[in-house]
């Protein structure tokens, strides 16, 4: 049976502190992009609640972080990134974290494909060593696929087989964004999920639809909505149970991390989790991505 968790980055963290005590069936949290001032309170709540947790890199978002991921690449940037990875992993391990969620370095726009593949291999080997040193698992998220470099589920599976400390974090919304950008075929979304399922340790869960995609500087940004049971795939909403069912079948131990805002309250979250659990168990499915 999958475990449920909440994503709680920066501004959501305070809300998570309030919600967690009212949601006894949620025993995981995934946080990140925090300030150093937030860490003591996070550590205290983790001790008091006993919930398990992982972090989405970076755990600590330094003021200069946005500049690190802009276009371009240099050895100096890679050294800074490695220092952040090392510090974040060790700090999280000291606080009892179980995993780190990472994106492969597709943000290096302008770097030739061959160079990017070499950088990716070097950084992955570094991450794997840090993971072994700290005892944290690595969840690779399918974010920002790059055609000709990493564009299929088989690419991700092969990467996890090469670096055995790695598993996948599946984000169906990222796949939809790639479809809208014209960088991933719409008819291959379900196949991607089926292929990735055996290596999938976690799924980021939220509702989405193509007409709500926002284009920003050439990139598609997905609007993350709560999982409301009566949203109709015929109106473009994703069939989340249909997307999740192959993952849960292959990995009944996976984490389902709700990754959306929590302003709609405890009762709605409880209903959301109950509906998702029942719908996945029943194998209910319609068209995976409404078009």
C-alpha atoms as a PDB file:
ATOM      1  CA  UNK A   1       0.000   0.000   0.000  1.00  0.00           C
ATOM      2  CA  UNK A   2       1.523   3.377  -0.974  1.00  0.00           C
ATOM      3  CA  UNK A   3       2.383   5.842   1.765  1.00  0.00           C
ATOM      4  CA  UNK A   4       1.174   9.436   1.499  1.00  0.00           C
ATOM      5  CA  UNK A   5       3.179  12.569   2.165  1.00  0.00           C
ATOM      6  CA  UNK A   6       3.045  16.325   1.732  1.00  0.00           C
ATOM      7  CA  UNK A   7       5.447  18.519  -0.180  1.00  0.00           C
ATOM      8  CA  UNK A   8       6.316  21.456   2.045  1.00  0.00           C
ATOM      9  CA  UNK A   9       8.848  23.840   0.481  1.00  0.00           C
ATOM     10  CA  UNK A  10       9.572  27.303   1.945  1.00  0.00           C
ATOM     11  CA  UNK A  11       6.227  29.141   2.157  1.00  0.00           C
ATOM     12  CA  UNK A  12       4.250  25.899   2.593  1.00  0.00           C
ATOM     13  CA  UNK A  13       6.269  24.761   5.585  1.00  0.00           C
ATOM     14  CA  UNK A  14       4.333  26.687   8.220  1.00  0.00           C
ATOM     15  CA  UNK A  15       1.050  25.379   6.822  1.00  0.00           C
ATOM     16  CA  UNK A  16       2.423  21.845   6.964  1.00  0.00           C
ATOM     17  CA  UNK A  17       3.194  22.225  10.674  1.00  0.00           C
ATOM     18  CA  UNK A  18      -0.500  22.980  11.272  1.00  0.00           C
ATOM     19  CA  UNK A  19      -1.875  20.236   9.031  1.00  0.00           C
ATOM     20  CA  UNK A  20       0.313  17.338  10.014  1.00  0.00           C
ATOM     21  CA  UNK A  21      -1.182  16.819  13.461  1.00  0.00           C
ATOM     22  CA  UNK A  22      -4.646  16.564  11.909  1.00  0.00           C
ATOM     23  CA  UNK A  23      -3.606  14.030   9.249  1.00  0.00           C
ATOM     24  CA  UNK A  24      -2.573  10.819  11.026  1.00  0.00           C
ATOM     25  CA  UNK A  25      -2.476   8.915   7.726  1.00  0.00           C
ATOM     26  CA  UNK A  26       0.238  11.234   6.354  1.00  0.00           C
ATOM     27  CA  UNK A  27       3.612  10.195   7.722  1.00  0.00           C
ATOM     28  CA  UNK A  28       6.023  11.665   5.164  1.00  0.00           C
ATOM     29  CA  UNK A  29       7.048  15.166   4.228  1.00  0.00           C
ATOM     30  CA  UNK A  30       9.264  16.408   1.404  1.00  0.00           C
ATOM     31  CA  UNK A  31      10.691  19.844   1.981  1.00  0.00           C
ATOM     32  CA  UNK A  32      13.320  22.086   0.432  1.00  0.00           C
ATOM     33  CA  UNK A  33      14.201  25.622  -0.682  1.00  0.00           C
ATOM     34  CA  UNK A  34      14.315  26.668   2.971  1.00  0.00           C
ATOM     35  CA  UNK A  35      16.169  29.459   4.711  1.00  0.00           C
ATOM     36  CA  UNK A  36      18.698  28.577   7.371  1.00  0.00           C
ATOM     37  CA  UNK A  37      16.429  30.282   9.916  1.00  0.00           C
ATOM     38  CA  UNK A  38      13.710  27.671   9.233  1.00  0.00           C
ATOM     39  CA  UNK A  39      15.908  24.649   9.993  1.00  0.00           C
ATOM     40  CA  UNK A  40      15.678  24.646  13.824  1.00  0.00           C
ATOM     41  CA  UNK A  41      11.885  24.660  13.751  1.00  0.00           C
ATOM     42  CA  UNK A  42      11.848  21.953  11.079  1.00  0.00           C
ATOM     43  CA  UNK A  43      14.148  19.810  13.205  1.00  0.00           C
ATOM     44  CA  UNK A  44      11.966  20.334  16.280  1.00  0.00           C
ATOM     45  CA  UNK A  45       8.760  19.362  14.481  1.00  0.00           C
ATOM     46  CA  UNK A  46      10.382  16.310  12.957  1.00  0.00           C
ATOM     47  CA  UNK A  47      11.437  15.180  16.423  1.00  0.00           C
ATOM     48  CA  UNK A  48       8.014  15.890  17.932  1.00  0.00           C
ATOM     49  CA  UNK A  49       5.960  14.210  15.201  1.00  0.00           C
ATOM     50  CA  UNK A  50       8.283  11.363  14.260  1.00  0.00           C
ATOM     51  CA  UNK A  51       7.388  11.704  10.565  1.00  0.00           C
ATOM     52  CA  UNK A  52       9.777  10.428   7.934  1.00  0.00           C
ATOM     53  CA  UNK A  53      11.137  12.956   5.472  1.00  0.00           C
ATOM     54  CA  UNK A  54      13.201  13.695   2.433  1.00  0.00           C
ATOM     55  CA  UNK A  55      14.305  16.903   0.790  1.00  0.00           C
ATOM     56  CA  UNK A  56      14.071  18.408  -2.670  1.00  0.00           C
ATOM     57  CA  UNK A  57      17.466  19.867  -3.544  1.00  0.00           C
ATOM     58  CA  UNK A  58      18.396  22.445  -2.502  1.00  0.00           C
ATOM     59  CA  UNK A  59      17.434  21.949   1.123  1.00  0.00           C
ATOM     60  CA  UNK A  60      18.759  25.454   1.779  1.00  0.00           C
ATOM     61  CA  UNK A  61      18.182  28.044  -0.930  1.00  0.00           C
ATOM     62  CA  UNK A  62      20.985  30.561  -0.813  1.00  0.00           C
ATOM     63  CA  UNK A  63      20.402  34.094  -2.086  1.00  0.00           C
ATOM     64  CA  UNK A  64      22.638  33.450  -5.085  1.00  0.00           C
ATOM     65  CA  UNK A  65      20.940  30.149  -6.055  1.00  0.00           C
ATOM     66  CA  UNK A  66      18.950  31.541  -9.057  1.00  0.00           C
ATOM     67  CA  UNK A  67      22.151  32.742 -10.687  1.00  0.00           C
ATOM     68  CA  UNK A  68      23.634  29.277 -10.428  1.00  0.00           C
ATOM     69  CA  UNK A  69      20.999  27.761 -12.681  1.00  0.00           C
ATOM     70  CA  UNK A  70      20.905  30.437 -15.362  1.00  0.00           C
ATOM     71  CA  UNK A  71      22.140  29.739 -18.856  1.00  0.00           C
ATOM     72  CA  UNK A  72      25.777  28.943 -19.222  1.00  0.00           C
ATOM     73  CA  UNK A  73      28.192  26.700 -17.447  1.00  0.00           C
ATOM     74  CA  UNK A  74      31.584  26.942 -15.854  1.00  0.00           C
ATOM     75  CA  UNK A  75      33.823  24.804 -13.637  1.00  0.00           C
ATOM     76  CA  UNK A  76      33.271  27.399 -10.884  1.00  0.00           C
ATOM     77  CA  UNK A  77      29.502  26.842 -10.987  1.00  0.00           C
ATOM     78  CA  UNK A  78      29.996  23.092 -10.754  1.00  0.00           C
ATOM     79  CA  UNK A  79      32.261  23.508  -7.718  1.00  0.00           C
ATOM     80  CA  UNK A  80      29.642  25.649  -5.992  1.00  0.00           C
ATOM     81  CA  UNK A  81      26.919  23.129  -6.843  1.00  0.00           C
ATOM     82  CA  UNK A  82      28.991  20.264  -5.460  1.00  0.00           C
ATOM     83  CA  UNK A  83      29.625  22.164  -2.257  1.00  0.00           C
ATOM     84  CA  UNK A  84      25.869  22.710  -1.898  1.00  0.00           C
ATOM     85  CA  UNK A  85      25.125  19.035  -2.570  1.00  0.00           C
ATOM     86  CA  UNK A  86      27.676  17.886  -0.013  1.00  0.00           C
ATOM     87  CA  UNK A  87      26.479  20.303   2.671  1.00  0.00           C
ATOM     88  CA  UNK A  88      22.780  19.615   2.031  1.00  0.00           C
ATOM     89  CA  UNK A  89      23.184  15.826   2.094  1.00  0.00           C
ATOM     90  CA  UNK A  90      25.202  15.809   5.305  1.00  0.00           C
ATOM     91  CA  UNK A  91      22.889  18.272   7.037  1.00  0.00           C
ATOM     92  CA  UNK A  92      19.786  16.303   6.010  1.00  0.00           C
ATOM     93  CA  UNK A  93      21.368  13.028   7.117  1.00  0.00           C
ATOM     94  CA  UNK A  94      22.135  14.525  10.549  1.00  0.00           C
ATOM     95  CA  UNK A  95      18.429  15.456  10.790  1.00  0.00           C
ATOM     96  CA  UNK A  96      17.311  11.934   9.906  1.00  0.00           C
ATOM     97  CA  UNK A  97      16.267  12.356   6.264  1.00  0.00           C
ATOM     98  CA  UNK A  98      15.723   9.282   4.093  1.00  0.00           C
ATOM     99  CA  UNK A  99      16.217  10.635   0.573  1.00  0.00           C
ATOM    100  CA  UNK A 100      17.150  13.576  -1.623  1.00  0.00           C
ATOM    101  CA  UNK A 101      15.206  14.562  -4.734  1.00  0.00           C
ATOM    102  CA  UNK A 102      17.468  15.825  -7.513  1.00  0.00           C
ATOM    103  CA  UNK A 103      17.095  17.005 -11.102  1.00  0.00           C
ATOM    104  CA  UNK A 104      19.733  16.059 -13.633  1.00  0.00           C
ATOM    105  CA  UNK A 105      21.556  19.176 -14.916  1.00  0.00           C
ATOM    106  CA  UNK A 106      19.398  19.888 -17.969  1.00  0.00           C
ATOM    107  CA  UNK A 107      19.336  23.559 -16.992  1.00  0.00           C
ATOM    108  CA  UNK A 108      22.737  23.989 -18.666  1.00  0.00           C
ATOM    109  CA  UNK A 109      21.233  25.444 -21.823  1.00  0.00           C
ATOM    110  CA  UNK A 110      23.797  26.238 -24.475  1.00  0.00           C
ATOM    111  CA  UNK A 111      26.057  23.348 -23.472  1.00  0.00           C
ATOM    112  CA  UNK A 112      26.550  20.874 -26.359  1.00  0.00           C
ATOM    113  CA  UNK A 113      24.878  17.493 -25.926  1.00  0.00           C
ATOM    114  CA  UNK A 114      28.152  15.572 -25.730  1.00  0.00           C
ATOM    115  CA  UNK A 115      29.526  17.876 -23.040  1.00  0.00           C
ATOM    116  CA  UNK A 116      26.263  17.702 -21.115  1.00  0.00           C
ATOM    117  CA  UNK A 117      26.307  13.895 -21.105  1.00  0.00           C
ATOM    118  CA  UNK A 118      29.863  13.926 -19.749  1.00  0.00           C
ATOM    119  CA  UNK A 119      28.952  16.469 -17.053  1.00  0.00           C
ATOM    120  CA  UNK A 120      25.850  14.476 -16.173  1.00  0.00           C
ATOM    121  CA  UNK A 121      27.894  11.291 -15.724  1.00  0.00           C
ATOM    122  CA  UNK A 122      30.477  13.054 -13.551  1.00  0.00           C
ATOM    123  CA  UNK A 123      27.865  14.733 -11.355  1.00  0.00           C
ATOM    124  CA  UNK A 124      25.855  11.521 -11.000  1.00  0.00           C
ATOM    125  CA  UNK A 125      28.958   9.652  -9.840  1.00  0.00           C
ATOM    126  CA  UNK A 126      29.572  12.427  -7.318  1.00  0.00           C
ATOM    127  CA  UNK A 127      25.958  12.293  -6.076  1.00  0.00           C
ATOM    128  CA  UNK A 128      26.151   8.505  -5.778  1.00  0.00           C
ATOM    129  CA  UNK A 129      29.281   8.759  -3.623  1.00  0.00           C
ATOM    130  CA  UNK A 130      27.682  11.375  -1.357  1.00  0.00           C
ATOM    131  CA  UNK A 131      24.576   9.182  -1.102  1.00  0.00           C
ATOM    132  CA  UNK A 132      26.702   6.236   0.033  1.00  0.00           C
ATOM    133  CA  UNK A 133      28.615   8.427   2.490  1.00  0.00           C
ATOM    134  CA  UNK A 134      25.413   9.752   4.086  1.00  0.00           C
ATOM    135  CA  UNK A 135      23.069   6.774   3.690  1.00  0.00           C
ATOM    136  CA  UNK A 136      20.489   8.816   1.744  1.00  0.00           C
ATOM    137  CA  UNK A 137      18.700   7.467  -1.304  1.00  0.00           C
ATOM    138  CA  UNK A 138      18.581   9.644  -4.436  1.00  0.00           C
ATOM    139  CA  UNK A 139      15.269  10.228  -6.226  1.00  0.00           C
ATOM    140  CA  UNK A 140      15.845  11.488  -9.775  1.00  0.00           C
ATOM    141  CA  UNK A 141      12.886  13.530 -10.983  1.00  0.00           C
ATOM    142  CA  UNK A 142      11.809  13.521 -14.634  1.00  0.00           C
ATOM    143  CA  UNK A 143      12.155  17.277 -14.962  1.00  0.00           C
ATOM    144  CA  UNK A 144      13.132  19.166 -18.126  1.00  0.00           C
ATOM    145  CA  UNK A 145      13.844  16.280 -20.482  1.00  0.00           C
ATOM    146  CA  UNK A 146      16.336  17.213 -23.168  1.00  0.00           C
ATOM    147  CA  UNK A 147      15.719  15.738 -26.640  1.00  0.00           C
ATOM    148  CA  UNK A 148      18.635  13.659 -27.810  1.00  0.00           C
ATOM    149  CA  UNK A 149      20.110  13.422 -24.324  1.00  0.00           C
ATOM    150  CA  UNK A 150      17.511  12.219 -21.841  1.00  0.00           C
ATOM    151  CA  UNK A 151      14.034  11.972 -23.333  1.00  0.00           C
ATOM    152  CA  UNK A 152      12.665   8.491 -22.607  1.00  0.00           C
ATOM    153  CA  UNK A 153      11.824   6.484 -19.518  1.00  0.00           C
ATOM    154  CA  UNK A 154      14.381   3.926 -20.676  1.00  0.00           C
ATOM    155  CA  UNK A 155      17.076   6.610 -20.339  1.00  0.00           C
ATOM    156  CA  UNK A 156      16.107   7.177 -16.703  1.00  0.00           C
ATOM    157  CA  UNK A 157      15.833   3.457 -15.949  1.00  0.00           C
ATOM    158  CA  UNK A 158      19.263   2.796 -17.447  1.00  0.00           C
ATOM    159  CA  UNK A 159      20.700   5.637 -15.362  1.00  0.00           C
ATOM    160  CA  UNK A 160      19.254   4.128 -12.178  1.00  0.00           C
ATOM    161  CA  UNK A 161      20.642   0.715 -13.122  1.00  0.00           C
ATOM    162  CA  UNK A 162      24.073   2.254 -13.599  1.00  0.00           C
ATOM    163  CA  UNK A 163      23.928   4.233 -10.336  1.00  0.00           C
ATOM    164  CA  UNK A 164      22.242   1.810  -7.968  1.00  0.00           C
ATOM    165  CA  UNK A 165      21.762   4.427  -5.229  1.00  0.00           C
ATOM    166  CA  UNK A 166      19.282   6.158  -7.573  1.00  0.00           C
ATOM    167  CA  UNK A 167      15.556   5.599  -8.036  1.00  0.00           C
ATOM    168  CA  UNK A 168      12.988   7.708  -9.838  1.00  0.00           C
ATOM    169  CA  UNK A 169      10.560  10.376  -8.694  1.00  0.00           C
ATOM    170  CA  UNK A 170       7.811  10.514 -11.295  1.00  0.00           C
ATOM    171  CA  UNK A 171       6.056  13.832 -11.917  1.00  0.00           C
ATOM    172  CA  UNK A 172       3.268  13.421 -14.517  1.00  0.00           C
ATOM    173  CA  UNK A 173       2.793  17.192 -14.655  1.00  0.00           C
ATOM    174  CA  UNK A 174       6.346  17.617 -15.936  1.00  0.00           C
ATOM    175  CA  UNK A 175       5.532  15.218 -18.765  1.00  0.00           C
ATOM    176  CA  UNK A 176       2.469  17.290 -19.655  1.00  0.00           C
ATOM    177  CA  UNK A 177       4.594  20.446 -19.702  1.00  0.00           C
ATOM    178  CA  UNK A 178       6.972  18.766 -22.144  1.00  0.00           C
ATOM    179  CA  UNK A 179       3.982  17.811 -24.334  1.00  0.00           C
ATOM    180  CA  UNK A 180       2.769  21.427 -24.397  1.00  0.00           C
ATOM    181  CA  UNK A 181       6.277  22.626 -25.267  1.00  0.00           C
ATOM    182  CA  UNK A 182       6.357  20.157 -28.174  1.00  0.00           C
ATOM    183  CA  UNK A 183       9.284  18.283 -26.672  1.00  0.00           C
ATOM    184  CA  UNK A 184       7.482  15.038 -25.806  1.00  0.00           C
ATOM    185  CA  UNK A 185       4.807  13.099 -27.764  1.00  0.00           C
ATOM    186  CA  UNK A 186       1.403  13.120 -26.060  1.00  0.00           C
ATOM    187  CA  UNK A 187       0.735   9.514 -27.051  1.00  0.00           C
ATOM    188  CA  UNK A 188       3.845   8.329 -25.192  1.00  0.00           C
ATOM    189  CA  UNK A 189       2.954   9.627 -21.713  1.00  0.00           C
ATOM    190  CA  UNK A 190       1.354   6.385 -20.539  1.00  0.00           C
ATOM    191  CA  UNK A 191       4.209   4.333 -21.980  1.00  0.00           C
ATOM    192  CA  UNK A 192       6.759   6.498 -20.159  1.00  0.00           C
ATOM    193  CA  UNK A 193       4.977   5.864 -16.862  1.00  0.00           C
ATOM    194  CA  UNK A 194       4.672   2.101 -17.414  1.00  0.00           C
ATOM    195  CA  UNK A 195       8.373   1.802 -18.282  1.00  0.00           C
ATOM    196  CA  UNK A 196       9.474   3.960 -15.358  1.00  0.00           C
ATOM    197  CA  UNK A 197       7.159   2.318 -12.819  1.00  0.00           C
ATOM    198  CA  UNK A 198       9.472  -0.467 -11.497  1.00  0.00           C
ATOM    199  CA  UNK A 199      12.175   2.111 -10.665  1.00  0.00           C
ATOM    200  CA  UNK A 200       9.758   4.687  -9.216  1.00  0.00           C
ATOM    201  CA  UNK A 201      10.168   5.289  -5.482  1.00  0.00           C
ATOM    202  CA  UNK A 202       7.943   8.385  -5.321  1.00  0.00           C
ATOM    203  CA  UNK A 203       5.336  10.279  -7.343  1.00  0.00           C
ATOM    204  CA  UNK A 204       4.537  13.984  -7.117  1.00  0.00           C
ATOM    205  CA  UNK A 205       0.734  14.103  -7.174  1.00  0.00           C
ATOM    206  CA  UNK A 206      -1.415  17.091  -8.100  1.00  0.00           C
ATOM    207  CA  UNK A 207      -4.178  17.771 -10.608  1.00  0.00           C
ATOM    208  CA  UNK A 208      -3.446  19.571 -13.874  1.00  0.00           C
ATOM    209  CA  UNK A 209      -4.714  20.159 -17.387  1.00  0.00           C
ATOM    210  CA  UNK A 210      -3.161  21.502 -20.605  1.00  0.00           C
ATOM    211  CA  UNK A 211      -5.295  24.646 -20.846  1.00  0.00           C
ATOM    212  CA  UNK A 212      -3.917  25.869 -17.523  1.00  0.00           C
ATOM    213  CA  UNK A 213      -0.281  25.669 -18.638  1.00  0.00           C
ATOM    214  CA  UNK A 214       1.491  29.022 -18.428  1.00  0.00           C
ATOM    215  CA  UNK A 215       4.346  29.738 -20.842  1.00  0.00           C
ATOM    216  CA  UNK A 216       7.141  31.722 -19.178  1.00  0.00           C
ATOM    217  CA  UNK A 217      10.346  32.566 -21.049  1.00  0.00           C
ATOM    218  CA  UNK A 218       9.791  29.667 -23.413  1.00  0.00           C
ATOM    219  CA  UNK A 219       9.057  27.152 -20.667  1.00  0.00           C
ATOM    220  CA  UNK A 220       5.757  25.591 -19.712  1.00  0.00           C
ATOM    221  CA  UNK A 221       4.784  26.074 -16.064  1.00  0.00           C
ATOM    222  CA  UNK A 222       2.135  23.703 -14.712  1.00  0.00           C
ATOM    223  CA  UNK A 223      -0.591  25.013 -12.399  1.00  0.00           C
ATOM    224  CA  UNK A 224      -0.718  22.535  -9.508  1.00  0.00           C
ATOM    225  CA  UNK A 225      -4.275  22.006  -8.306  1.00  0.00           C
ATOM    226  CA  UNK A 226      -5.669  19.852  -5.477  1.00  0.00           C
ATOM    227  CA  UNK A 227      -6.929  16.391  -6.377  1.00  0.00           C
ATOM    228  CA  UNK A 228     -10.671  16.984  -6.374  1.00  0.00           C
ATOM    229  CA  UNK A 229     -12.551  13.718  -7.023  1.00  0.00           C
ATOM    230  CA  UNK A 230     -15.209  15.088  -9.395  1.00  0.00           C
ATOM    231  CA  UNK A 231     -12.848  16.730 -11.907  1.00  0.00           C
ATOM    232  CA  UNK A 232     -13.701  15.271 -15.323  1.00  0.00           C
ATOM    233  CA  UNK A 233     -10.929  14.045 -17.660  1.00  0.00           C
ATOM    234  CA  UNK A 234     -13.330  14.936 -20.460  1.00  0.00           C
ATOM    235  CA  UNK A 235     -12.667  18.572 -19.575  1.00  0.00           C
ATOM    236  CA  UNK A 236      -8.909  18.111 -19.819  1.00  0.00           C
ATOM    237  CA  UNK A 237      -8.126  17.102 -16.247  1.00  0.00           C
ATOM    238  CA  UNK A 238      -5.608  14.308 -15.802  1.00  0.00           C
ATOM    239  CA  UNK A 239      -6.887  10.849 -14.914  1.00  0.00           C
ATOM    240  CA  UNK A 240      -4.612  10.532 -11.899  1.00  0.00           C
ATOM    241  CA  UNK A 241      -5.763   7.067 -10.779  1.00  0.00           C
ATOM    242  CA  UNK A 242      -5.123   5.802 -14.309  1.00  0.00           C
ATOM    243  CA  UNK A 243      -1.642   7.345 -14.313  1.00  0.00           C
ATOM    244  CA  UNK A 244      -0.809   6.070 -10.828  1.00  0.00           C
ATOM    245  CA  UNK A 245      -2.151   2.539 -11.149  1.00  0.00           C
ATOM    246  CA  UNK A 246       0.829   1.045 -13.074  1.00  0.00           C
ATOM    247  CA  UNK A 247       3.253   2.618 -10.596  1.00  0.00           C
ATOM    248  CA  UNK A 248       1.406   1.308  -7.550  1.00  0.00           C
ATOM    249  CA  UNK A 249       1.127  -2.143  -9.157  1.00  0.00           C
ATOM    250  CA  UNK A 250       4.871  -2.273  -9.797  1.00  0.00           C
ATOM    251  CA  UNK A 251       5.894  -0.488  -6.585  1.00  0.00           C
ATOM    252  CA  UNK A 252       3.278  -0.885  -3.834  1.00  0.00           C
ATOM    253  CA  UNK A 253       5.855   0.639  -1.444  1.00  0.00           C
ATOM    254  CA  UNK A 254       6.086   3.938  -3.359  1.00  0.00           C
ATOM    255  CA  UNK A 255       5.442   7.361  -1.826  1.00  0.00           C
ATOM    256  CA  UNK A 256       2.615   9.520  -3.155  1.00  0.00           C
ATOM    257  CA  UNK A 257       3.639  13.080  -2.344  1.00  0.00           C
ATOM    258  CA  UNK A 258       0.863  15.667  -2.674  1.00  0.00           C
ATOM    259  CA  UNK A 259       2.588  18.622  -4.311  1.00  0.00           C
ATOM    260  CA  UNK A 260       0.131  21.507  -4.310  1.00  0.00           C
ATOM    261  CA  UNK A 261      -0.984  24.294  -1.998  1.00  0.00           C
ATOM    262  CA  UNK A 262      -2.949  23.364   1.114  1.00  0.00           C
ATOM    263  CA  UNK A 263      -5.277  26.290   1.526  1.00  0.00           C
ATOM    264  CA  UNK A 264      -8.373  24.136   1.109  1.00  0.00           C
ATOM    265  CA  UNK A 265      -8.103  22.622   4.600  1.00  0.00           C
ATOM    266  CA  UNK A 266      -7.741  19.391   6.506  1.00  0.00           C
ATOM    267  CA  UNK A 267     -11.104  17.901   5.558  1.00  0.00           C
ATOM    268  CA  UNK A 268     -10.430  18.347   1.854  1.00  0.00           C
ATOM    269  CA  UNK A 269      -6.978  16.766   2.189  1.00  0.00           C
ATOM    270  CA  UNK A 270      -8.412  13.780   4.041  1.00  0.00           C
ATOM    271  CA  UNK A 271     -11.034  13.329   1.317  1.00  0.00           C
ATOM    272  CA  UNK A 272      -8.373  13.694  -1.366  1.00  0.00           C
ATOM    273  CA  UNK A 273      -6.200  10.961   0.140  1.00  0.00           C
ATOM    274  CA  UNK A 274      -9.148   8.632   0.742  1.00  0.00           C
ATOM    275  CA  UNK A 275     -10.385   9.055  -2.830  1.00  0.00           C
ATOM    276  CA  UNK A 276      -6.950   8.524  -4.363  1.00  0.00           C
ATOM    277  CA  UNK A 277      -6.351   5.407  -2.282  1.00  0.00           C
ATOM    278  CA  UNK A 278      -9.740   3.950  -3.212  1.00  0.00           C
ATOM    279  CA  UNK A 279      -9.518   4.893  -6.883  1.00  0.00           C
ATOM    280  CA  UNK A 280      -6.052   3.387  -7.319  1.00  0.00           C
ATOM    281  CA  UNK A 281      -7.067   0.225  -5.442  1.00  0.00           C
ATOM    282  CA  UNK A 282     -10.140  -0.196  -7.651  1.00  0.00           C
ATOM    283  CA  UNK A 283      -8.120   0.224 -10.816  1.00  0.00           C
ATOM    284  CA  UNK A 284     -10.468   2.970 -12.054  1.00  0.00           C
ATOM    285  CA  UNK A 285      -9.126   4.542 -15.228  1.00  0.00           C
ATOM    286  CA  UNK A 286     -10.164   6.709 -18.119  1.00  0.00           C
ATOM    287  CA  UNK A 287      -8.074   8.596 -20.681  1.00  0.00           C
ATOM    288  CA  UNK A 288      -4.774   9.405 -18.996  1.00  0.00           C
ATOM    289  CA  UNK A 289      -4.294  12.949 -20.255  1.00  0.00           C
ATOM    290  CA  UNK A 290      -7.413  14.721 -21.492  1.00  0.00           C
ATOM    291  CA  UNK A 291      -6.988  16.398 -24.849  1.00  0.00           C
END
